[in-house]
Amino acid sequence: MLLVNDVHRIEFITGRGTEGVLTDGLCYDIQQEEMVPYFKENDYVTGMIRGTQAVADVFYGIPPDYY
């Protein structure tokens, strides 16, 4: 996960073998549902924690509420 605050950009870079599980669409959903609402409130720490937890949930097989 890469957050560049001054250009308002979030990027997920998945490695080989993970792109089948952590798809571009799912990464976008995680960003929009778990991260962006906190970033809009300038709460970058919570946004990154929520995004990281959502990615971990995907890897552990716990589906997100919005999927």
PDB file of N, CA and C in Angstrom:
ATOM      1  N   MET A   1       0.844  -1.160   0.000  1.00  0.00           N
ATOM      2  CA  MET A   1       0.000   0.000   0.000  1.00  0.00           C
ATOM      3  C   MET A   1       0.888   1.221   0.000  1.00  0.00           C
ATOM      4  N   LEU A   2       0.520   2.159  -0.829  1.00  0.00           N
ATOM      5  CA  LEU A   2       1.264   3.409  -0.896  1.00  0.00           C
ATOM      6  C   LEU A   2       0.270   4.555  -0.827  1.00  0.00           C
ATOM      7  N   LEU A   3       0.478   5.465   0.095  1.00  0.00           N
ATOM      8  CA  LEU A   3      -0.352   6.654   0.233  1.00  0.00           C
ATOM      9  C   LEU A   3       0.524   7.856  -0.026  1.00  0.00           C
ATOM     10  N   VAL A   4       0.131   8.650  -1.011  1.00  0.00           N
ATOM     11  CA  VAL A   4       0.818   9.904  -1.285  1.00  0.00           C
ATOM     12  C   VAL A   4      -0.194  11.003  -1.021  1.00  0.00           C
ATOM     13  N   ASN A   5      -0.080  11.628   0.128  1.00  0.00           N
ATOM     14  CA  ASN A   5      -1.093  12.564   0.588  1.00  0.00           C
ATOM     15  C   ASN A   5      -1.167  13.830  -0.252  1.00  0.00           C
ATOM     16  N   ASP A   6      -0.034  14.398  -0.620  1.00  0.00           N
ATOM     17  CA  ASP A   6      -0.073  15.683  -1.306  1.00  0.00           C
ATOM     18  C   ASP A   6      -0.622  15.609  -2.725  1.00  0.00           C
ATOM     19  N   VAL A   7      -0.737  14.412  -3.289  1.00  0.00           N
ATOM     20  CA  VAL A   7      -1.363  14.267  -4.613  1.00  0.00           C
ATOM     21  C   VAL A   7      -2.657  13.462  -4.537  1.00  0.00           C
ATOM     22  N   HIS A   8      -3.092  13.173  -3.307  1.00  0.00           N
ATOM     23  CA  HIS A   8      -4.351  12.455  -3.077  1.00  0.00           C
ATOM     24  C   HIS A   8      -4.404  11.162  -3.884  1.00  0.00           C
ATOM     25  N   ARG A   9      -3.453  10.300  -3.633  1.00  0.00           N
ATOM     26  CA  ARG A   9      -3.368   9.040  -4.373  1.00  0.00           C
ATOM     27  C   ARG A   9      -3.104   7.885  -3.415  1.00  0.00           C
ATOM     28  N   ILE A  10      -3.844   6.797  -3.639  1.00  0.00           N
ATOM     29  CA  ILE A  10      -3.627   5.547  -2.912  1.00  0.00           C
ATOM     30  C   ILE A  10      -3.358   4.483  -3.967  1.00  0.00           C
ATOM     31  N   GLU A  11      -2.353   3.678  -3.746  1.00  0.00           N
ATOM     32  CA  GLU A  11      -2.050   2.636  -4.716  1.00  0.00           C
ATOM     33  C   GLU A  11      -1.744   1.334  -3.994  1.00  0.00           C
ATOM     34  N   PHE A  12      -2.349   0.263  -4.475  1.00  0.00           N
ATOM     35  CA  PHE A  12      -2.040  -1.076  -3.994  1.00  0.00           C
ATOM     36  C   PHE A  12      -1.178  -1.732  -5.060  1.00  0.00           C
ATOM     37  N   ILE A  13      -0.069  -2.278  -4.674  1.00  0.00           N
ATOM     38  CA  ILE A  13       0.795  -3.001  -5.600  1.00  0.00           C
ATOM     39  C   ILE A  13       0.824  -4.449  -5.124  1.00  0.00           C
ATOM     40  N   THR A  14       0.174  -5.312  -5.879  1.00  0.00           N
ATOM     41  CA  THR A  14       0.106  -6.718  -5.487  1.00  0.00           C
ATOM     42  C   THR A  14       1.252  -7.486  -6.129  1.00  0.00           C
ATOM     43  N   GLY A  15       1.751  -8.441  -5.414  1.00  0.00           N
ATOM     44  CA  GLY A  15       2.837  -9.256  -5.927  1.00  0.00           C
ATOM     45  C   GLY A  15       2.313 -10.446  -6.713  1.00  0.00           C
ATOM     46  N   ARG A  16       3.218 -11.095  -7.382  1.00  0.00           N
ATOM     47  CA  ARG A  16       2.858 -12.270  -8.157  1.00  0.00           C
ATOM     48  C   ARG A  16       2.290 -13.330  -7.219  1.00  0.00           C
ATOM     49  N   GLY A  17       1.151 -13.865  -7.581  1.00  0.00           N
ATOM     50  CA  GLY A  17       0.507 -14.865  -6.756  1.00  0.00           C
ATOM     51  C   GLY A  17      -0.611 -14.300  -5.893  1.00  0.00           C
ATOM     52  N   THR A  18      -0.608 -13.001  -5.683  1.00  0.00           N
ATOM     53  CA  THR A  18      -1.671 -12.407  -4.875  1.00  0.00           C
ATOM     54  C   THR A  18      -2.732 -11.705  -5.709  1.00  0.00           C
ATOM     55  N   GLU A  19      -2.402 -11.404  -6.967  1.00  0.00           N
ATOM     56  CA  GLU A  19      -3.357 -10.654  -7.783  1.00  0.00           C
ATOM     57  C   GLU A  19      -4.639 -11.433  -8.074  1.00  0.00           C
ATOM     58  N   GLY A  20      -4.613 -12.741  -7.939  1.00  0.00           N
ATOM     59  CA  GLY A  20      -5.826 -13.537  -8.116  1.00  0.00           C
ATOM     60  C   GLY A  20      -6.768 -13.434  -6.928  1.00  0.00           C
ATOM     61  N   VAL A  21      -6.216 -13.170  -5.764  1.00  0.00           N
ATOM     62  CA  VAL A  21      -7.007 -13.050  -4.536  1.00  0.00           C
ATOM     63  C   VAL A  21      -7.328 -11.584  -4.257  1.00  0.00           C
ATOM     64  N   LEU A  22      -6.345 -10.742  -4.401  1.00  0.00           N
ATOM     65  CA  LEU A  22      -6.493  -9.317  -4.129  1.00  0.00           C
ATOM     66  C   LEU A  22      -6.563  -8.587  -5.476  1.00  0.00           C
ATOM     67  N   THR A  23      -7.732  -8.633  -6.073  1.00  0.00           N
ATOM     68  CA  THR A  23      -7.926  -8.071  -7.416  1.00  0.00           C
ATOM     69  C   THR A  23      -7.932  -6.548  -7.385  1.00  0.00           C
ATOM     70  N   ASP A  24      -7.786  -5.953  -8.563  1.00  0.00           N
ATOM     71  CA  ASP A  24      -7.830  -4.496  -8.662  1.00  0.00           C
ATOM     72  C   ASP A  24      -9.167  -3.953  -8.172  1.00  0.00           C
ATOM     73  N   GLY A  25     -10.239  -4.629  -8.517  1.00  0.00           N
ATOM     74  CA  GLY A  25     -11.568  -4.190  -8.081  1.00  0.00           C
ATOM     75  C   GLY A  25     -11.723  -4.255  -6.580  1.00  0.00           C
ATOM     76  N   LEU A  26     -11.224  -5.313  -5.982  1.00  0.00           N
ATOM     77  CA  LEU A  26     -11.298  -5.451  -4.530  1.00  0.00           C
ATOM     78  C   LEU A  26     -10.426  -4.402  -3.842  1.00  0.00           C
ATOM     79  N   CYS A  27      -9.258  -4.137  -4.396  1.00  0.00           N
ATOM     80  CA  CYS A  27      -8.390  -3.092  -3.842  1.00  0.00           C
ATOM     81  C   CYS A  27      -9.098  -1.736  -3.883  1.00  0.00           C
ATOM     82  N   TYR A  28      -9.763  -1.448  -4.988  1.00  0.00           N
ATOM     83  CA  TYR A  28     -10.506  -0.195  -5.116  1.00  0.00           C
ATOM     84  C   TYR A  28     -11.610  -0.117  -4.064  1.00  0.00           C
ATOM     85  N   ASP A  29     -12.336  -1.215  -3.897  1.00  0.00           N
ATOM     86  CA  ASP A  29     -13.408  -1.240  -2.893  1.00  0.00           C
ATOM     87  C   ASP A  29     -12.859  -0.997  -1.488  1.00  0.00           C
ATOM     88  N   ILE A  30     -11.742  -1.612  -1.175  1.00  0.00           N
ATOM     89  CA  ILE A  30     -11.123  -1.409   0.137  1.00  0.00           C
ATOM     90  C   ILE A  30     -10.744   0.054   0.320  1.00  0.00           C
ATOM     91  N   GLN A  31     -10.163   0.626  -0.707  1.00  0.00           N
ATOM     92  CA  GLN A  31      -9.788   2.039  -0.626  1.00  0.00           C
ATOM     93  C   GLN A  31     -11.005   2.916  -0.363  1.00  0.00           C
ATOM     94  N   GLN A  32     -12.048   2.710  -1.152  1.00  0.00           N
ATOM     95  CA  GLN A  32     -13.230   3.575  -1.072  1.00  0.00           C
ATOM     96  C   GLN A  32     -14.033   3.367   0.206  1.00  0.00           C
ATOM     97  N   GLU A  33     -14.133   2.135   0.654  1.00  0.00           N
ATOM     98  CA  GLU A  33     -14.980   1.829   1.809  1.00  0.00           C
ATOM     99  C   GLU A  33     -14.251   1.933   3.144  1.00  0.00           C
ATOM    100  N   GLU A  34     -12.990   1.579   3.179  1.00  0.00           N
ATOM    101  CA  GLU A  34     -12.265   1.489   4.444  1.00  0.00           C
ATOM    102  C   GLU A  34     -11.270   2.613   4.680  1.00  0.00           C
ATOM    103  N   MET A  35     -10.779   3.237   3.622  1.00  0.00           N
ATOM    104  CA  MET A  35      -9.692   4.192   3.780  1.00  0.00           C
ATOM    105  C   MET A  35     -10.096   5.637   3.510  1.00  0.00           C
ATOM    106  N   VAL A  36     -10.701   5.883   2.379  1.00  0.00           N
ATOM    107  CA  VAL A  36     -11.013   7.248   1.954  1.00  0.00           C
ATOM    108  C   VAL A  36     -11.867   8.017   2.965  1.00  0.00           C
ATOM    109  N   PRO A  37     -12.887   7.398   3.577  1.00  0.00           N
ATOM    110  CA  PRO A  37     -13.666   8.177   4.548  1.00  0.00           C
ATOM    111  C   PRO A  37     -12.813   8.764   5.684  1.00  0.00           C
ATOM    112  N   TYR A  38     -11.814   8.034   6.129  1.00  0.00           N
ATOM    113  CA  TYR A  38     -10.924   8.528   7.188  1.00  0.00           C
ATOM    114  C   TYR A  38      -9.940   9.566   6.651  1.00  0.00           C
ATOM    115  N   PHE A  39      -9.465   9.337   5.431  1.00  0.00           N
ATOM    116  CA  PHE A  39      -8.542  10.295   4.838  1.00  0.00           C
ATOM    117  C   PHE A  39      -9.214  11.654   4.664  1.00  0.00           C
ATOM    118  N   LYS A  40     -10.491  11.640   4.329  1.00  0.00           N
ATOM    119  CA  LYS A  40     -11.229  12.903   4.165  1.00  0.00           C
ATOM    120  C   LYS A  40     -11.326  13.678   5.468  1.00  0.00           C
ATOM    121  N   GLU A  41     -11.201  12.977   6.590  1.00  0.00           N
ATOM    122  CA  GLU A  41     -11.220  13.607   7.909  1.00  0.00           C
ATOM    123  C   GLU A  41      -9.802  13.876   8.421  1.00  0.00           C
ATOM    124  N   ASN A  42      -8.801  13.716   7.538  1.00  0.00           N
ATOM    125  CA  ASN A  42      -7.384  13.872   7.880  1.00  0.00           C
ATOM    126  C   ASN A  42      -6.932  12.885   8.953  1.00  0.00           C
ATOM    127  N   ASP A  43      -7.591  11.743   9.026  1.00  0.00           N
ATOM    128  CA  ASP A  43      -7.215  10.676   9.954  1.00  0.00           C
ATOM    129  C   ASP A  43      -6.527   9.573   9.156  1.00  0.00           C
ATOM    130  N   TYR A  44      -5.290   9.839   8.785  1.00  0.00           N
ATOM    131  CA  TYR A  44      -4.558   8.932   7.900  1.00  0.00           C
ATOM    132  C   TYR A  44      -4.143   7.649   8.604  1.00  0.00           C
ATOM    133  N   VAL A  45      -3.877   7.730   9.882  1.00  0.00           N
ATOM    134  CA  VAL A  45      -3.475   6.539  10.632  1.00  0.00           C
ATOM    135  C   VAL A  45      -4.615   5.515  10.635  1.00  0.00           C
ATOM    136  N   THR A  46      -5.814   5.952  10.992  1.00  0.00           N
ATOM    137  CA  THR A  46      -6.948   5.029  11.016  1.00  0.00           C
ATOM    138  C   THR A  46      -7.254   4.495   9.629  1.00  0.00           C
ATOM    139  N   GLY A  47      -7.175   5.341   8.619  1.00  0.00           N
ATOM    140  CA  GLY A  47      -7.422   4.891   7.250  1.00  0.00           C
ATOM    141  C   GLY A  47      -6.457   3.800   6.820  1.00  0.00           C
ATOM    142  N   MET A  48      -5.179   3.971   7.148  1.00  0.00           N
ATOM    143  CA  MET A  48      -4.188   2.957   6.782  1.00  0.00           C
ATOM    144  C   MET A  48      -4.387   1.679   7.588  1.00  0.00           C
ATOM    145  N   ILE A  49      -4.717   1.822   8.867  1.00  0.00           N
ATOM    146  CA  ILE A  49      -4.971   0.633   9.684  1.00  0.00           C
ATOM    147  C   ILE A  49      -6.179  -0.128   9.156  1.00  0.00           C
ATOM    148  N   ARG A  50      -7.263   0.578   8.852  1.00  0.00           N
ATOM    149  CA  ARG A  50      -8.470  -0.079   8.340  1.00  0.00           C
ATOM    150  C   ARG A  50      -8.198  -0.749   6.994  1.00  0.00           C
ATOM    151  N   GLY A  51      -7.429  -0.093   6.134  1.00  0.00           N
ATOM    152  CA  GLY A  51      -7.082  -0.691   4.844  1.00  0.00           C
ATOM    153  C   GLY A  51      -6.225  -1.931   5.002  1.00  0.00           C
ATOM    154  N   THR A  52      -5.259  -1.861   5.886  1.00  0.00           N
ATOM    155  CA  THR A  52      -4.384  -3.007   6.136  1.00  0.00           C
ATOM    156  C   THR A  52      -5.173  -4.171   6.718  1.00  0.00           C
ATOM    157  N   GLN A  53      -6.078  -3.885   7.636  1.00  0.00           N
ATOM    158  CA  GLN A  53      -6.912  -4.938   8.220  1.00  0.00           C
ATOM    159  C   GLN A  53      -7.809  -5.565   7.162  1.00  0.00           C
ATOM    160  N   ALA A  54      -8.354  -4.760   6.269  1.00  0.00           N
ATOM    161  CA  ALA A  54      -9.215  -5.293   5.205  1.00  0.00           C
ATOM    162  C   ALA A  54      -8.434  -6.206   4.273  1.00  0.00           C
ATOM    163  N   VAL A  55      -7.208  -5.849   3.959  1.00  0.00           N
ATOM    164  CA  VAL A  55      -6.365  -6.707   3.114  1.00  0.00           C
ATOM    165  C   VAL A  55      -6.060  -8.007   3.853  1.00  0.00           C
ATOM    166  N   ALA A  56      -5.724  -7.930   5.128  1.00  0.00           N
ATOM    167  CA  ALA A  56      -5.461  -9.137   5.918  1.00  0.00           C
ATOM    168  C   ALA A  56      -6.696 -10.024   5.958  1.00  0.00           C
ATOM    169  N   ASP A  57      -7.874  -9.416   6.108  1.00  0.00           N
ATOM    170  CA  ASP A  57      -9.111 -10.189   6.120  1.00  0.00           C
ATOM    171  C   ASP A  57      -9.300 -10.960   4.817  1.00  0.00           C
ATOM    172  N   VAL A  58      -8.960 -10.326   3.703  1.00  0.00           N
ATOM    173  CA  VAL A  58      -9.071 -11.011   2.405  1.00  0.00           C
ATOM    174  C   VAL A  58      -8.167 -12.238   2.392  1.00  0.00           C
ATOM    175  N   PHE A  59      -6.937 -12.077   2.845  1.00  0.00           N
ATOM    176  CA  PHE A  59      -5.998 -13.198   2.841  1.00  0.00           C
ATOM    177  C   PHE A  59      -6.405 -14.306   3.807  1.00  0.00           C
ATOM    178  N   TYR A  60      -7.065 -13.955   4.897  1.00  0.00           N
ATOM    179  CA  TYR A  60      -7.529 -14.955   5.845  1.00  0.00           C
ATOM    180  C   TYR A  60      -8.902 -15.510   5.495  1.00  0.00           C
ATOM    181  N   GLY A  61      -9.499 -15.028   4.415  1.00  0.00           N
ATOM    182  CA  GLY A  61     -10.767 -15.572   3.963  1.00  0.00           C
ATOM    183  C   GLY A  61     -11.986 -14.976   4.637  1.00  0.00           C
ATOM    184  N   ILE A  62     -11.838 -13.833   5.253  1.00  0.00           N
ATOM    185  CA  ILE A  62     -12.971 -13.173   5.899  1.00  0.00           C
ATOM    186  C   ILE A  62     -13.519 -12.148   4.908  1.00  0.00           C
ATOM    187  N   PRO A  63     -14.714 -12.389   4.360  1.00  0.00           N
ATOM    188  CA  PRO A  63     -15.231 -11.463   3.344  1.00  0.00           C
ATOM    189  C   PRO A  63     -15.632 -10.116   3.955  1.00  0.00           C
ATOM    190  N   PRO A  64     -15.384  -9.031   3.216  1.00  0.00           N
ATOM    191  CA  PRO A  64     -15.797  -7.726   3.717  1.00  0.00           C
ATOM    192  C   PRO A  64     -17.327  -7.576   3.658  1.00  0.00           C
ATOM    193  N   ASP A  65     -17.859  -6.691   4.469  1.00  0.00           N
ATOM    194  CA  ASP A  65     -19.308  -6.472   4.511  1.00  0.00           C
ATOM    195  C   ASP A  65     -19.849  -5.928   3.202  1.00  0.00           C
ATOM    196  N   TYR A  66     -19.063  -5.191   2.464  1.00  0.00           N
ATOM    197  CA  TYR A  66     -19.530  -4.512   1.267  1.00  0.00           C
ATOM    198  C   TYR A  66     -19.285  -5.305  -0.009  1.00  0.00           C
ATOM    199  N   TYR A  67     -18.746  -6.498   0.081  1.00  0.00           N
ATOM    200  CA  TYR A  67     -18.407  -7.297  -1.107  1.00  0.00           C
ATOM    201  C   TYR A  67     -19.576  -8.076  -1.593  1.00  0.00           C
TER     202      TYR A  67
END
